């Protein structure tokens, strides 16, 4: 029998960011949404519909890693006026570098993240109210 992947659920949620550049740990939120579904095996797609923010999988056990990422990015991609009159070209570049979406496998109704991996919303032009879209896909036979 052929297997088909089907969209099971779509959710979205708002995030209020507090600083211009900020990493917000959203793994628990994604796990709570997963519990609302009947997904046993498949994957979750997490999408950021913004051009100055992104989603990423980053080490979540040591907060120094997030501080280091931000400190390394500052001199590489400085916040300065470029051709973009909005003054946020650096945020657009960081968003493009980090990416707009993630696909994470699900097995036995659990995210298959490594022990040190966390899902983060990455704000590069805040503070703002942002949105994250989460879709759950599964295989049916």
Protein backbone atom coordinates (compact mmCIF):
# COMPACT_ATOMS: atom_id res chain seq x y z
CA UNK A 1 0.00 0.00 0.00
CA UNK A 2 1.26 3.49 -0.87
CA UNK A 3 1.99 6.00 1.91
CA UNK A 4 0.86 9.63 1.71
CA UNK A 5 1.96 12.61 3.73
CA UNK A 6 -0.93 14.78 4.79
CA UNK A 7 -1.27 18.09 6.57
CA UNK A 8 -2.84 17.31 9.96
CA UNK A 9 -2.96 20.70 11.68
CA UNK A 10 -1.92 24.32 11.21
CA UNK A 11 -1.42 26.70 14.13
CA UNK A 12 0.01 30.15 14.52
CA UNK A 13 0.96 32.15 17.56
CA UNK A 14 2.12 35.67 18.33
CA UNK A 15 5.38 36.59 20.02
CA UNK A 16 6.14 39.95 21.60
CA UNK A 17 9.84 40.69 21.37
CA UNK A 18 11.46 43.13 23.80
CA UNK A 19 14.81 44.05 22.23
CA UNK A 20 16.19 44.81 18.78
CA UNK A 21 18.09 41.53 18.73
CA UNK A 22 16.75 38.66 20.77
CA UNK A 23 16.61 34.86 20.76
CA UNK A 24 13.38 33.43 22.20
CA UNK A 25 13.28 29.74 23.10
CA UNK A 26 10.04 28.33 21.60
CA UNK A 27 10.67 24.57 21.89
CA UNK A 28 8.15 24.16 24.72
CA UNK A 29 5.49 26.02 22.72
CA UNK A 30 6.05 23.71 19.71
CA UNK A 31 5.90 20.62 21.96
CA UNK A 32 2.62 21.84 23.47
CA UNK A 33 1.15 22.30 19.99
CA UNK A 34 2.34 18.80 19.04
CA UNK A 35 0.40 17.40 22.02
CA UNK A 36 -2.80 18.91 20.57
CA UNK A 37 -2.39 16.84 17.41
CA UNK A 38 -2.68 13.10 16.89
CA UNK A 39 0.63 13.03 15.03
CA UNK A 40 2.62 9.90 15.80
CA UNK A 41 5.09 9.92 12.91
CA UNK A 42 5.86 12.69 10.46
CA UNK A 43 7.33 16.15 10.79
CA UNK A 44 6.61 19.67 11.91
CA UNK A 45 7.30 22.73 9.76
CA UNK A 46 7.94 25.97 11.63
CA UNK A 47 7.77 29.11 9.49
CA UNK A 48 8.61 32.75 10.23
CA UNK A 49 6.66 35.08 7.88
CA UNK A 50 8.95 38.07 8.47
CA UNK A 51 11.98 39.39 6.57
CA UNK A 52 13.82 40.72 9.64
CA UNK A 53 13.39 37.68 11.91
CA UNK A 54 13.89 33.94 11.56
CA UNK A 55 13.68 30.56 13.25
CA UNK A 56 16.69 28.38 14.01
CA UNK A 57 17.85 25.34 15.94
CA UNK A 58 20.51 26.43 18.41
CA UNK A 59 22.20 24.85 21.42
CA UNK A 60 19.88 25.44 24.38
CA UNK A 61 21.80 24.24 27.46
CA UNK A 62 24.26 27.11 27.83
CA UNK A 63 22.97 30.71 27.45
CA UNK A 64 26.52 31.85 26.66
CA UNK A 65 26.12 30.28 23.20
CA UNK A 66 23.30 32.71 22.33
CA UNK A 67 25.31 35.65 23.67
CA UNK A 68 28.32 34.50 21.65
CA UNK A 69 26.26 34.22 18.45
CA UNK A 70 24.97 37.75 18.92
CA UNK A 71 28.45 39.12 19.72
CA UNK A 72 29.98 37.42 16.68
CA UNK A 73 27.22 38.74 14.39
CA UNK A 74 27.59 42.40 15.50
CA UNK A 75 30.96 43.13 13.82
CA UNK A 76 30.23 40.82 10.87
CA UNK A 77 26.85 42.42 10.08
CA UNK A 78 26.81 45.84 11.77
CA UNK A 79 23.67 47.88 12.31
CA UNK A 80 24.41 50.88 10.13
CA UNK A 81 22.67 52.83 7.41
CA UNK A 82 22.88 51.12 4.03
CA UNK A 83 20.89 51.82 0.87
CA UNK A 84 17.66 50.64 2.55
CA UNK A 85 16.07 53.84 3.90
CA UNK A 86 14.41 51.89 6.75
CA UNK A 87 17.85 51.44 8.33
CA UNK A 88 17.43 47.72 8.99
CA UNK A 89 19.44 46.10 6.20
CA UNK A 90 21.47 44.22 8.80
CA UNK A 91 18.27 42.59 10.11
CA UNK A 92 17.28 41.51 6.59
CA UNK A 93 20.71 39.98 6.02
CA UNK A 94 20.67 38.11 9.37
CA UNK A 95 17.18 36.80 8.64
CA UNK A 96 18.27 35.55 5.22
CA UNK A 97 21.35 33.94 6.77
CA UNK A 98 19.40 32.11 9.51
CA UNK A 99 16.42 31.15 7.33
CA UNK A 100 12.66 31.39 7.43
CA UNK A 101 11.67 27.79 8.20
CA UNK A 102 12.59 24.53 9.92
CA UNK A 103 11.49 20.93 9.37
CA UNK A 104 11.80 18.68 12.42
CA UNK A 105 11.00 14.95 12.32
CA UNK A 106 8.45 13.50 14.74
CA UNK A 107 8.51 9.89 15.95
CA UNK A 108 6.23 8.40 18.62
CA UNK A 109 4.67 11.86 19.08
CA UNK A 110 8.05 13.39 20.06
CA UNK A 111 10.24 15.94 18.31
CA UNK A 112 13.46 14.25 17.23
CA UNK A 113 15.74 17.00 18.50
CA UNK A 114 19.22 16.27 19.78
CA UNK A 115 19.78 16.57 23.54
CA UNK A 116 21.29 20.07 23.26
CA UNK A 117 19.04 21.40 20.50
CA UNK A 118 16.35 24.00 21.02
CA UNK A 119 14.04 25.83 18.64
CA UNK A 120 14.50 29.60 18.74
CA UNK A 121 12.72 32.57 17.28
CA UNK A 122 15.43 35.02 16.24
CA UNK A 123 14.49 38.70 16.36
CA UNK A 124 16.80 41.07 14.47
CA UNK A 125 14.68 44.26 14.23
CA UNK A 126 12.58 44.50 17.37
CA UNK A 127 10.89 45.13 19.56
CA UNK A 128 7.82 44.02 17.66
CA UNK A 129 4.88 41.67 17.77
CA UNK A 130 5.70 38.73 15.53
CA UNK A 131 3.94 35.62 14.28
CA UNK A 132 5.07 32.01 13.91
CA UNK A 133 3.22 29.46 11.76
CA UNK A 134 3.45 25.77 12.70
CA UNK A 135 2.21 22.90 10.53
CA UNK A 136 2.14 19.23 11.44
CA UNK A 137 2.40 16.60 8.71
CA UNK A 138 1.99 12.86 9.06
CA UNK A 139 2.04 9.71 7.02
CA UNK A 140 -1.16 7.75 6.49
CA UNK A 141 -1.58 4.47 4.65
